[in-house]
PDB file of all heavy atoms in Angstrom:
ATOM      1  N   GLY A   1       0.774  -1.227   0.000  1.00  0.00           N
ATOM      2  CA  GLY A   1       0.000   0.000   0.000  1.00  0.00           C
ATOM      3  C   GLY A   1       0.810   1.284   0.000  1.00  0.00           C
ATOM      4  O   GLY A   1       0.229   2.379  -0.054  1.00  0.00           O
ATOM      5  N   GLN A   2       2.129   1.190   0.018  1.00  0.00           N
ATOM      6  CA  GLN A   2       2.996   2.362   0.020  1.00  0.00           C
ATOM      7  C   GLN A   2       3.688   2.500  -1.331  1.00  0.00           C
ATOM      8  O   GLN A   2       4.116   1.509  -1.919  1.00  0.00           O
ATOM      9  CB  GLN A   2       4.041   2.276   1.129  1.00  0.00           C
ATOM     10  CG  GLN A   2       3.469   2.165   2.537  1.00  0.00           C
ATOM     11  CD  GLN A   2       2.749   3.427   2.976  1.00  0.00           C
ATOM     12  OE1 GLN A   2       2.881   4.488   2.369  1.00  0.00           O
ATOM     13  NE2 GLN A   2       1.978   3.326   4.067  1.00  0.00           N
ATOM     14  N   VAL A   3       3.789   3.749  -1.799  1.00  0.00           N
ATOM     15  CA  VAL A   3       4.440   4.017  -3.075  1.00  0.00           C
ATOM     16  C   VAL A   3       5.934   4.268  -2.843  1.00  0.00           C
ATOM     17  O   VAL A   3       6.310   5.242  -2.188  1.00  0.00           O
ATOM     18  CB  VAL A   3       3.809   5.237  -3.779  1.00  0.00           C
ATOM     19  CG1 VAL A   3       4.533   5.514  -5.095  1.00  0.00           C
ATOM     20  CG2 VAL A   3       2.325   4.997  -4.031  1.00  0.00           C
ATOM     21  N   TYR A   4       6.766   3.395  -3.366  1.00  0.00           N
ATOM     22  CA  TYR A   4       8.218   3.549  -3.265  1.00  0.00           C
ATOM     23  C   TYR A   4       8.692   4.284  -4.507  1.00  0.00           C
ATOM     24  O   TYR A   4       8.540   3.803  -5.625  1.00  0.00           O
ATOM     25  CB  TYR A   4       8.884   2.185  -3.133  1.00  0.00           C
ATOM     26  CG  TYR A   4       8.667   1.575  -1.757  1.00  0.00           C
ATOM     27  CD1 TYR A   4       7.459   0.977  -1.423  1.00  0.00           C
ATOM     28  CD2 TYR A   4       9.661   1.625  -0.784  1.00  0.00           C
ATOM     29  CE1 TYR A   4       7.239   0.436  -0.170  1.00  0.00           C
ATOM     30  CE2 TYR A   4       9.458   1.088   0.480  1.00  0.00           C
ATOM     31  CZ  TYR A   4       8.243   0.495   0.782  1.00  0.00           C
ATOM     32  OH  TYR A   4       8.036  -0.025   2.036  1.00  0.00           O
ATOM     33  N   GLN A   5       9.257   5.485  -4.299  1.00  0.00           N
ATOM     34  CA  GLN A   5       9.563   6.385  -5.401  1.00  0.00           C
ATOM     35  C   GLN A   5      10.849   5.999  -6.121  1.00  0.00           C
ATOM     36  O   GLN A   5      11.858   5.699  -5.488  1.00  0.00           O
ATOM     37  CB  GLN A   5       9.700   7.815  -4.882  1.00  0.00           C
ATOM     38  CG  GLN A   5       8.441   8.340  -4.207  1.00  0.00           C
ATOM     39  CD  GLN A   5       8.638   9.744  -3.703  1.00  0.00           C
ATOM     40  OE1 GLN A   5       9.177  10.596  -4.403  1.00  0.00           O
ATOM     41  NE2 GLN A   5       8.224   9.989  -2.470  1.00  0.00           N
ATOM     42  N   ALA A   6      10.789   6.034  -7.441  1.00  0.00           N
ATOM     43  CA  ALA A   6      11.976   5.813  -8.262  1.00  0.00           C
ATOM     44  C   ALA A   6      12.595   7.126  -8.684  1.00  0.00           C
ATOM     45  O   ALA A   6      13.758   7.167  -9.091  1.00  0.00           O
ATOM     46  CB  ALA A   6      11.610   5.003  -9.498  1.00  0.00           C
ATOM     47  N   SER A   7      11.842   8.234  -8.577  1.00  0.00           N
ATOM     48  CA  SER A   7      12.356   9.530  -9.033  1.00  0.00           C
ATOM     49  C   SER A   7      13.555   9.976  -8.213  1.00  0.00           C
ATOM     50  O   SER A   7      14.472  10.622  -8.715  1.00  0.00           O
ATOM     51  CB  SER A   7      11.254  10.592  -8.947  1.00  0.00           C
ATOM     52  OG  SER A   7      10.758  10.692  -7.620  1.00  0.00           O
ATOM     53  N   THR A   8      13.541   9.650  -6.926  1.00  0.00           N
ATOM     54  CA  THR A   8      14.692   9.946  -6.064  1.00  0.00           C
ATOM     55  C   THR A   8      15.456   8.648  -5.862  1.00  0.00           C
ATOM     56  O   THR A   8      15.312   7.977  -4.849  1.00  0.00           O
ATOM     57  CB  THR A   8      14.239  10.528  -4.714  1.00  0.00           C
ATOM     58  OG1 THR A   8      13.360  11.616  -4.946  1.00  0.00           O
ATOM     59  CG2 THR A   8      15.435  11.010  -3.913  1.00  0.00           C
ATOM     60  N   GLY A   9      16.221   8.275  -6.853  1.00  0.00           N
ATOM     61  CA  GLY A   9      16.902   7.003  -6.806  1.00  0.00           C
ATOM     62  C   GLY A   9      18.035   6.967  -5.797  1.00  0.00           C
ATOM     63  O   GLY A   9      18.453   7.982  -5.260  1.00  0.00           O
ATOM     64  N   TYR A  10      18.533   5.787  -5.560  1.00  0.00           N
ATOM     65  CA  TYR A  10      19.653   5.621  -4.640  1.00  0.00           C
ATOM     66  C   TYR A  10      20.464   4.415  -5.071  1.00  0.00           C
ATOM     67  O   TYR A  10      20.017   3.591  -5.871  1.00  0.00           O
ATOM     68  CB  TYR A  10      19.158   5.439  -3.208  1.00  0.00           C
ATOM     69  CG  TYR A  10      18.621   4.047  -2.915  1.00  0.00           C
ATOM     70  CD1 TYR A  10      19.423   3.088  -2.305  1.00  0.00           C
ATOM     71  CD2 TYR A  10      17.325   3.684  -3.273  1.00  0.00           C
ATOM     72  CE1 TYR A  10      18.949   1.819  -2.043  1.00  0.00           C
ATOM     73  CE2 TYR A  10      16.843   2.422  -3.018  1.00  0.00           C
ATOM     74  CZ  TYR A  10      17.649   1.493  -2.404  1.00  0.00           C
ATOM     75  OH  TYR A  10      17.187   0.235  -2.162  1.00  0.00           O
ATOM     76  N   SER A  11      21.659   4.323  -4.584  1.00  0.00           N
ATOM     77  CA  SER A  11      22.498   3.150  -4.802  1.00  0.00           C
ATOM     78  C   SER A  11      23.107   2.766  -3.469  1.00  0.00           C
ATOM     79  O   SER A  11      23.218   3.584  -2.561  1.00  0.00           O
ATOM     80  CB  SER A  11      23.596   3.441  -5.826  1.00  0.00           C
ATOM     81  OG  SER A  11      24.430   4.499  -5.384  1.00  0.00           O
ATOM     82  N   ARG A  12      23.507   1.527  -3.350  1.00  0.00           N
ATOM     83  CA  ARG A  12      24.035   1.031  -2.091  1.00  0.00           C
ATOM     84  C   ARG A  12      25.242   0.146  -2.338  1.00  0.00           C
ATOM     85  O   ARG A  12      25.435  -0.364  -3.439  1.00  0.00           O
ATOM     86  CB  ARG A  12      22.970   0.233  -1.338  1.00  0.00           C
ATOM     87  CG  ARG A  12      22.406  -0.926  -2.144  1.00  0.00           C
ATOM     88  CD  ARG A  12      21.467  -1.788  -1.347  1.00  0.00           C
ATOM     89  NE  ARG A  12      20.784  -2.769  -2.202  1.00  0.00           N
ATOM     90  CZ  ARG A  12      21.312  -3.897  -2.615  1.00  0.00           C
ATOM     91  NH1 ARG A  12      22.570  -4.208  -2.278  1.00  0.00           N
ATOM     92  NH2 ARG A  12      20.633  -4.737  -3.377  1.00  0.00           N
ATOM     93  N   THR A  13      26.026  -0.025  -1.290  1.00  0.00           N
ATOM     94  CA  THR A  13      27.122  -0.981  -1.359  1.00  0.00           C
ATOM     95  C   THR A  13      26.564  -2.384  -1.149  1.00  0.00           C
ATOM     96  O   THR A  13      25.387  -2.566  -0.839  1.00  0.00           O
ATOM     97  CB  THR A  13      28.168  -0.655  -0.280  1.00  0.00           C
ATOM     98  OG1 THR A  13      27.536  -0.680   1.011  1.00  0.00           O
ATOM     99  CG2 THR A  13      28.767   0.724  -0.506  1.00  0.00           C
ATOM    100  N   ALA A  14      27.423  -3.369  -1.319  1.00  0.00           N
ATOM    101  CA  ALA A  14      26.981  -4.748  -1.175  1.00  0.00           C
ATOM    102  C   ALA A  14      26.558  -5.034   0.262  1.00  0.00           C
ATOM    103  O   ALA A  14      27.094  -4.471   1.218  1.00  0.00           O
ATOM    104  CB  ALA A  14      28.109  -5.696  -1.586  1.00  0.00           C
ATOM    105  N   ILE A  15      25.566  -5.918   0.400  1.00  0.00           N
ATOM    106  CA  ILE A  15      25.088  -6.337   1.716  1.00  0.00           C
ATOM    107  C   ILE A  15      25.729  -7.674   2.040  1.00  0.00           C
ATOM    108  O   ILE A  15      25.643  -8.632   1.270  1.00  0.00           O
ATOM    109  CB  ILE A  15      23.558  -6.466   1.729  1.00  0.00           C
ATOM    110  CG1 ILE A  15      22.909  -5.122   1.395  1.00  0.00           C
ATOM    111  CG2 ILE A  15      23.073  -6.972   3.072  1.00  0.00           C
ATOM    112  CD1 ILE A  15      21.403  -5.186   1.298  1.00  0.00           C
ATOM    113  N   ALA A  16      26.383  -7.746   3.171  1.00  0.00           N
ATOM    114  CA  ALA A  16      27.038  -8.985   3.594  1.00  0.00           C
ATOM    115  C   ALA A  16      26.618  -9.308   5.019  1.00  0.00           C
ATOM    116  O   ALA A  16      26.480  -8.423   5.862  1.00  0.00           O
ATOM    117  CB  ALA A  16      28.555  -8.842   3.517  1.00  0.00           C
ATOM    118  N   ASN A  17      26.402 -10.577   5.291  1.00  0.00           N
ATOM    119  CA  ASN A  17      26.036 -11.039   6.624  1.00  0.00           C
ATOM    120  C   ASN A  17      26.939 -12.191   7.020  1.00  0.00           C
ATOM    121  O   ASN A  17      27.352 -12.994   6.183  1.00  0.00           O
ATOM    122  CB  ASN A  17      24.574 -11.512   6.658  1.00  0.00           C
ATOM    123  CG  ASN A  17      23.595 -10.381   6.419  1.00  0.00           C
ATOM    124  OD1 ASN A  17      23.420  -9.515   7.246  1.00  0.00           O
ATOM    125  ND2 ASN A  17      22.950 -10.404   5.245  1.00  0.00           N
ATOM    126  N   ASP A  18      27.239 -12.288   8.314  1.00  0.00           N
ATOM    127  CA  ASP A  18      27.983 -13.438   8.816  1.00  0.00           C
ATOM    128  C   ASP A  18      27.479 -13.764  10.211  1.00  0.00           C
ATOM    129  O   ASP A  18      26.619 -13.080  10.770  1.00  0.00           O
ATOM    130  CB  ASP A  18      29.496 -13.192   8.805  1.00  0.00           C
ATOM    131  CG  ASP A  18      29.889 -11.948   9.583  1.00  0.00           C
ATOM    132  OD1 ASP A  18      29.321 -11.721  10.671  1.00  0.00           O
ATOM    133  OD2 ASP A  18      30.771 -11.208   9.117  1.00  0.00           O
ATOM    134  N   ALA A  19      28.018 -14.819  10.774  1.00  0.00           N
ATOM    135  CA  ALA A  19      27.547 -15.309  12.067  1.00  0.00           C
ATOM    136  C   ALA A  19      28.273 -14.661  13.234  1.00  0.00           C
ATOM    137  O   ALA A  19      27.961 -14.945  14.388  1.00  0.00           O
ATOM    138  CB  ALA A  19      27.722 -16.829  12.140  1.00  0.00           C
ATOM    139  N   SER A  20      29.240 -13.800  12.960  1.00  0.00           N
ATOM    140  CA  SER A  20      29.963 -13.143  14.046  1.00  0.00           C
ATOM    141  C   SER A  20      29.156 -11.967  14.569  1.00  0.00           C
ATOM    142  O   SER A  20      28.097 -11.624  14.040  1.00  0.00           O
ATOM    143  CB  SER A  20      31.328 -12.660  13.551  1.00  0.00           C
ATOM    144  OG  SER A  20      31.175 -11.581  12.658  1.00  0.00           O
ATOM    145  N   LEU A  21      29.663 -11.318  15.617  1.00  0.00           N
ATOM    146  CA  LEU A  21      28.999 -10.163  16.201  1.00  0.00           C
ATOM    147  C   LEU A  21      29.598  -8.859  15.697  1.00  0.00           C
ATOM    148  O   LEU A  21      29.406  -7.811  16.305  1.00  0.00           O
ATOM    149  CB  LEU A  21      29.100 -10.226  17.737  1.00  0.00           C
ATOM    150  CG  LEU A  21      28.368 -11.399  18.386  1.00  0.00           C
ATOM    151  CD1 LEU A  21      28.554 -11.356  19.896  1.00  0.00           C
ATOM    152  CD2 LEU A  21      26.889 -11.401  18.030  1.00  0.00           C
ATOM    153  N   SER A  22      30.327  -8.898  14.572  1.00  0.00           N
ATOM    154  CA  SER A  22      30.904  -7.683  14.020  1.00  0.00           C
ATOM    155  C   SER A  22      29.800  -6.802  13.444  1.00  0.00           C
ATOM    156  O   SER A  22      28.731  -7.273  13.058  1.00  0.00           O
ATOM    157  CB  SER A  22      31.916  -8.022  12.917  1.00  0.00           C
ATOM    158  OG  SER A  22      31.281  -8.749  11.881  1.00  0.00           O
ATOM    159  N   VAL A  23      30.071  -5.511  13.384  1.00  0.00           N
ATOM    160  CA  VAL A  23      29.081  -4.563  12.894  1.00  0.00           C
ATOM    161  C   VAL A  23      28.990  -4.681  11.370  1.00  0.00           C
ATOM    162  O   VAL A  23      29.980  -4.499  10.671  1.00  0.00           O
ATOM    163  CB  VAL A  23      29.448  -3.124  13.299  1.00  0.00           C
ATOM    164  CG1 VAL A  23      28.401  -2.149  12.765  1.00  0.00           C
ATOM    165  CG2 VAL A  23      29.543  -3.020  14.813  1.00  0.00           C
ATOM    166  N   ASP A  24      27.773  -4.969  10.871  1.00  0.00           N
ATOM    167  CA  ASP A  24      27.593  -5.191   9.437  1.00  0.00           C
ATOM    168  C   ASP A  24      26.958  -3.954   8.811  1.00  0.00           C
ATOM    169  O   ASP A  24      25.776  -3.935   8.474  1.00  0.00           O
ATOM    170  CB  ASP A  24      26.719  -6.430   9.190  1.00  0.00           C
ATOM    171  CG  ASP A  24      25.477  -6.452  10.081  1.00  0.00           C
ATOM    172  OD1 ASP A  24      25.316  -5.519  10.878  1.00  0.00           O
ATOM    173  OD2 ASP A  24      24.684  -7.390   9.961  1.00  0.00           O
ATOM    174  N   ASN A  25      27.774  -2.919   8.645  1.00  0.00           N
ATOM    175  CA  ASN A  25      27.271  -1.665   8.084  1.00  0.00           C
ATOM    176  C   ASN A  25      27.308  -1.697   6.562  1.00  0.00           C
ATOM    177  O   ASN A  25      28.022  -2.487   5.948  1.00  0.00           O
ATOM    178  CB  ASN A  25      28.101  -0.481   8.581  1.00  0.00           C
ATOM    179  CG  ASN A  25      28.030  -0.328  10.087  1.00  0.00           C
ATOM    180  OD1 ASN A  25      27.095  -0.801  10.705  1.00  0.00           O
ATOM    181  ND2 ASN A  25      29.019   0.322  10.657  1.00  0.00           N
ATOM    182  N   LEU A  26      26.538  -0.803   5.946  1.00  0.00           N
ATOM    183  CA  LEU A  26      26.625  -0.575   4.508  1.00  0.00           C
ATOM    184  C   LEU A  26      26.382   0.901   4.251  1.00  0.00           C
ATOM    185  O   LEU A  26      25.882   1.623   5.115  1.00  0.00           O
ATOM    186  CB  LEU A  26      25.623  -1.445   3.734  1.00  0.00           C
ATOM    187  CG  LEU A  26      24.115  -1.208   3.946  1.00  0.00           C
ATOM    188  CD1 LEU A  26      23.588  -0.207   2.921  1.00  0.00           C
ATOM    189  CD2 LEU A  26      23.350  -2.510   3.814  1.00  0.00           C
ATOM    190  N   ASP A  27      26.770   1.362   3.063  1.00  0.00           N
ATOM    191  CA  ASP A  27      26.605   2.772   2.701  1.00  0.00           C
ATOM    192  C   ASP A  27      25.516   2.907   1.656  1.00  0.00           C
ATOM    193  O   ASP A  27      25.369   2.064   0.768  1.00  0.00           O
ATOM    194  CB  ASP A  27      27.916   3.350   2.153  1.00  0.00           C
ATOM    195  CG  ASP A  27      28.981   3.482   3.231  1.00  0.00           C
ATOM    196  OD1 ASP A  27      28.598   3.590   4.408  1.00  0.00           O
ATOM    197  OD2 ASP A  27      30.173   3.464   2.890  1.00  0.00           O
ATOM    198  N   VAL A  28      24.756   4.005   1.772  1.00  0.00           N
ATOM    199  CA  VAL A  28      23.692   4.309   0.821  1.00  0.00           C
ATOM    200  C   VAL A  28      23.948   5.689   0.244  1.00  0.00           C
ATOM    201  O   VAL A  28      24.184   6.649   0.986  1.00  0.00           O
ATOM    202  CB  VAL A  28      22.306   4.267   1.506  1.00  0.00           C
ATOM    203  CG1 VAL A  28      21.223   4.712   0.524  1.00  0.00           C
ATOM    204  CG2 VAL A  28      22.004   2.866   2.014  1.00  0.00           C
ATOM    205  N   ASP A  29      23.925   5.799  -1.091  1.00  0.00           N
ATOM    206  CA  ASP A  29      24.077   7.078  -1.782  1.00  0.00           C
ATOM    207  C   ASP A  29      22.728   7.507  -2.342  1.00  0.00           C
ATOM    208  O   ASP A  29      21.969   6.675  -2.850  1.00  0.00           O
ATOM    209  CB  ASP A  29      25.084   6.966  -2.938  1.00  0.00           C
ATOM    210  CG  ASP A  29      26.492   6.681  -2.441  1.00  0.00           C
ATOM    211  OD1 ASP A  29      26.790   7.075  -1.312  1.00  0.00           O
ATOM    212  OD2 ASP A  29      27.269   6.064  -3.189  1.00  0.00           O
ATOM    213  N   GLY A  30      22.452   8.813  -2.271  1.00  0.00           N
ATOM    214  CA  GLY A  30      21.212   9.331  -2.816  1.00  0.00           C
ATOM    215  C   GLY A  30      21.375  10.758  -3.294  1.00  0.00           C
ATOM    216  O   GLY A  30      22.413  11.386  -3.097  1.00  0.00           O
ATOM    217  N   VAL A  31      20.332  11.256  -3.931  1.00  0.00           N
ATOM    218  CA  VAL A  31      20.326  12.609  -4.477  1.00  0.00           C
ATOM    219  C   VAL A  31      19.271  13.421  -3.740  1.00  0.00           C
ATOM    220  O   VAL A  31      18.168  12.935  -3.471  1.00  0.00           O
ATOM    221  CB  VAL A  31      20.027  12.599  -5.988  1.00  0.00           C
ATOM    222  CG1 VAL A  31      19.997  14.019  -6.538  1.00  0.00           C
ATOM    223  CG2 VAL A  31      21.046  11.752  -6.726  1.00  0.00           C
ATOM    224  N   PHE A  32      19.600  14.660  -3.407  1.00  0.00           N
ATOM    225  CA  PHE A  32      18.635  15.526  -2.745  1.00  0.00           C
ATOM    226  C   PHE A  32      17.464  15.820  -3.671  1.00  0.00           C
ATOM    227  O   PHE A  32      17.621  16.005  -4.870  1.00  0.00           O
ATOM    228  CB  PHE A  32      19.297  16.851  -2.328  1.00  0.00           C
ATOM    229  CG  PHE A  32      20.332  16.686  -1.264  1.00  0.00           C
ATOM    230  CD1 PHE A  32      21.642  17.068  -1.485  1.00  0.00           C
ATOM    231  CD2 PHE A  32      20.004  16.145  -0.041  1.00  0.00           C
ATOM    232  CE1 PHE A  32      22.602  16.922  -0.507  1.00  0.00           C
ATOM    233  CE2 PHE A  32      20.951  15.995   0.944  1.00  0.00           C
ATOM    234  CZ  PHE A  32      22.261  16.380   0.714  1.00  0.00           C
ATOM    235  N   ASP A  33      16.286  15.889  -3.073  1.00  0.00           N
ATOM    236  CA  ASP A  33      15.091  16.219  -3.820  1.00  0.00           C
ATOM    237  C   ASP A  33      14.203  17.074  -2.929  1.00  0.00           C
ATOM    238  O   ASP A  33      14.010  16.760  -1.756  1.00  0.00           O
ATOM    239  CB  ASP A  33      14.343  14.947  -4.233  1.00  0.00           C
ATOM    240  CG  ASP A  33      13.137  15.238  -5.097  1.00  0.00           C
ATOM    241  OD1 ASP A  33      12.051  15.450  -4.531  1.00  0.00           O
ATOM    242  OD2 ASP A  33      13.271  15.268  -6.328  1.00  0.00           O
ATOM    243  N   ALA A  34      13.659  18.152  -3.488  1.00  0.00           N
ATOM    244  CA  ALA A  34      12.887  19.111  -2.694  1.00  0.00           C
ATOM    245  C   ALA A  34      11.688  18.469  -2.018  1.00  0.00           C
ATOM    246  O   ALA A  34      11.230  18.938  -0.979  1.00  0.00           O
ATOM    247  CB  ALA A  34      12.434  20.272  -3.576  1.00  0.00           C
ATOM    248  N   ALA A  35      11.157  17.390  -2.604  1.00  0.00           N
ATOM    249  CA  ALA A  35       9.958  16.768  -2.054  1.00  0.00           C
ATOM    250  C   ALA A  35      10.263  15.653  -1.071  1.00  0.00           C
ATOM    251  O   ALA A  35       9.357  15.129  -0.428  1.00  0.00           O
ATOM    252  CB  ALA A  35       9.092  16.229  -3.189  1.00  0.00           C
ATOM    253  N   THR A  36      11.531  15.253  -0.936  1.00  0.00           N
ATOM    254  CA  THR A  36      11.847  14.126  -0.061  1.00  0.00           C
ATOM    255  C   THR A  36      12.945  14.507   0.919  1.00  0.00           C
ATOM    256  O   THR A  36      12.686  15.123   1.938  1.00  0.00           O
ATOM    257  CB  THR A  36      12.251  12.902  -0.900  1.00  0.00           C
ATOM    258  OG1 THR A  36      13.298  13.285  -1.814  1.00  0.00           O
ATOM    259  CG2 THR A  36      11.074  12.367  -1.694  1.00  0.00           C
ATOM    260  N   ILE A  37      14.174  14.129   0.625  1.00  0.00           N
ATOM    261  CA  ILE A  37      15.297  14.411   1.517  1.00  0.00           C
ATOM    262  C   ILE A  37      16.044  15.640   1.006  1.00  0.00           C
ATOM    263  O   ILE A  37      16.569  15.624  -0.111  1.00  0.00           O
ATOM    264  CB  ILE A  37      16.248  13.199   1.601  1.00  0.00           C
ATOM    265  CG1 ILE A  37      15.511  12.000   2.206  1.00  0.00           C
ATOM    266  CG2 ILE A  37      17.448  13.531   2.459  1.00  0.00           C
ATOM    267  CD1 ILE A  37      16.361  10.754   2.318  1.00  0.00           C
ATOM    268  N   THR A  38      16.095  16.680   1.798  1.00  0.00           N
ATOM    269  CA  THR A  38      16.776  17.909   1.406  1.00  0.00           C
ATOM    270  C   THR A  38      18.052  18.080   2.214  1.00  0.00           C
ATOM    271  O   THR A  38      18.204  17.520   3.302  1.00  0.00           O
ATOM    272  CB  THR A  38      15.876  19.133   1.626  1.00  0.00           C
ATOM    273  OG1 THR A  38      15.608  19.277   3.033  1.00  0.00           O
ATOM    274  CG2 THR A  38      14.555  18.974   0.881  1.00  0.00           C
ATOM    275  N   GLU A  39      18.953  18.873   1.673  1.00  0.00           N
ATOM    276  CA  GLU A  39      20.206  19.151   2.370  1.00  0.00           C
ATOM    277  C   GLU A  39      19.942  19.853   3.693  1.00  0.00           C
ATOM    278  O   GLU A  39      20.573  19.544   4.714  1.00  0.00           O
ATOM    279  CB  GLU A  39      21.115  20.005   1.492  1.00  0.00           C
ATOM    280  CG  GLU A  39      22.440  20.381   2.155  1.00  0.00           C
ATOM    281  CD  GLU A  39      23.325  21.221   1.269  1.00  0.00           C
ATOM    282  OE1 GLU A  39      22.939  21.469   0.100  1.00  0.00           O
ATOM    283  OE2 GLU A  39      24.400  21.640   1.742  1.00  0.00           O
ATOM    284  N   GLU A  40      18.999  20.790   3.701  1.00  0.00           N
ATOM    285  CA  GLU A  40      18.690  21.523   4.930  1.00  0.00           C
ATOM    286  C   GLU A  40      18.166  20.585   6.012  1.00  0.00           C
ATOM    287  O   GLU A  40      18.509  20.723   7.187  1.00  0.00           O
ATOM    288  CB  GLU A  40      17.660  22.623   4.641  1.00  0.00           C
ATOM    289  CG  GLU A  40      18.190  23.778   3.806  1.00  0.00           C
ATOM    290  CD  GLU A  40      18.250  23.445   2.338  1.00  0.00           C
ATOM    291  OE1 GLU A  40      17.730  22.377   1.940  1.00  0.00           O
ATOM    292  OE2 GLU A  40      18.828  24.231   1.561  1.00  0.00           O
ATOM    293  N   ALA A  41      17.331  19.631   5.619  1.00  0.00           N
ATOM    294  CA  ALA A  41      16.775  18.699   6.598  1.00  0.00           C
ATOM    295  C   ALA A  41      17.858  17.816   7.207  1.00  0.00           C
ATOM    296  O   ALA A  41      17.850  17.533   8.408  1.00  0.00           O
ATOM    297  CB  ALA A  41      15.695  17.832   5.952  1.00  0.00           C
ATOM    298  N   LEU A  42      18.816  17.386   6.376  1.00  0.00           N
ATOM    299  CA  LEU A  42      19.912  16.579   6.894  1.00  0.00           C
ATOM    300  C   LEU A  42      20.791  17.390   7.834  1.00  0.00           C
ATOM    301  O   LEU A  42      21.176  16.925   8.909  1.00  0.00           O
ATOM    302  CB  LEU A  42      20.751  16.021   5.740  1.00  0.00           C
ATOM    303  CG  LEU A  42      20.192  14.796   5.020  1.00  0.00           C
ATOM    304  CD1 LEU A  42      21.037  14.453   3.805  1.00  0.00           C
ATOM    305  CD2 LEU A  42      20.110  13.608   5.957  1.00  0.00           C
ATOM    306  N   ARG A  43      21.121  18.619   7.435  1.00  0.00           N
ATOM    307  CA  ARG A  43      21.970  19.467   8.277  1.00  0.00           C
ATOM    308  C   ARG A  43      21.265  19.850   9.576  1.00  0.00           C
ATOM    309  O   ARG A  43      21.909  20.046  10.603  1.00  0.00           O
ATOM    310  CB  ARG A  43      22.378  20.729   7.511  1.00  0.00           C
ATOM    311  CG  ARG A  43      23.336  20.474   6.352  1.00  0.00           C
ATOM    312  CD  ARG A  43      23.893  21.765   5.794  1.00  0.00           C
ATOM    313  NE  ARG A  43      24.756  21.554   4.653  1.00  0.00           N
ATOM    314  CZ  ARG A  43      26.038  21.208   4.738  1.00  0.00           C
ATOM    315  NH1 ARG A  43      26.602  21.053   5.925  1.00  0.00           N
ATOM    316  NH2 ARG A  43      26.765  21.037   3.641  1.00  0.00           N
ATOM    317  N   ALA A  44      19.942  19.934   9.530  1.00  0.00           N
ATOM    318  CA  ALA A  44      19.181  20.280  10.727  1.00  0.00           C
ATOM    319  C   ALA A  44      19.029  19.100  11.681  1.00  0.00           C
ATOM    320  O   ALA A  44      18.506  19.256  12.781  1.00  0.00           O
ATOM    321  CB  ALA A  44      17.806  20.802  10.335  1.00  0.00           C
ATOM    322  N   GLY A  45      19.472  17.925  11.258  1.00  0.00           N
ATOM    323  CA  GLY A  45      19.406  16.755  12.134  1.00  0.00           C
ATOM    324  C   GLY A  45      18.072  16.046  12.136  1.00  0.00           C
ATOM    325  O   GLY A  45      17.826  15.207  13.003  1.00  0.00           O
TER     326      GLY A  45
END
């Protein structure tokens, strides 16, 4: 029931999982868009 937008695309690094307790982080890249995520909103926390 939710619309996932393609207009504000993103890319990500590979997702890896293992059985250890190490931190499994990944990075996500995106583009600012006035209707979604803006630079001001990110800087404002």
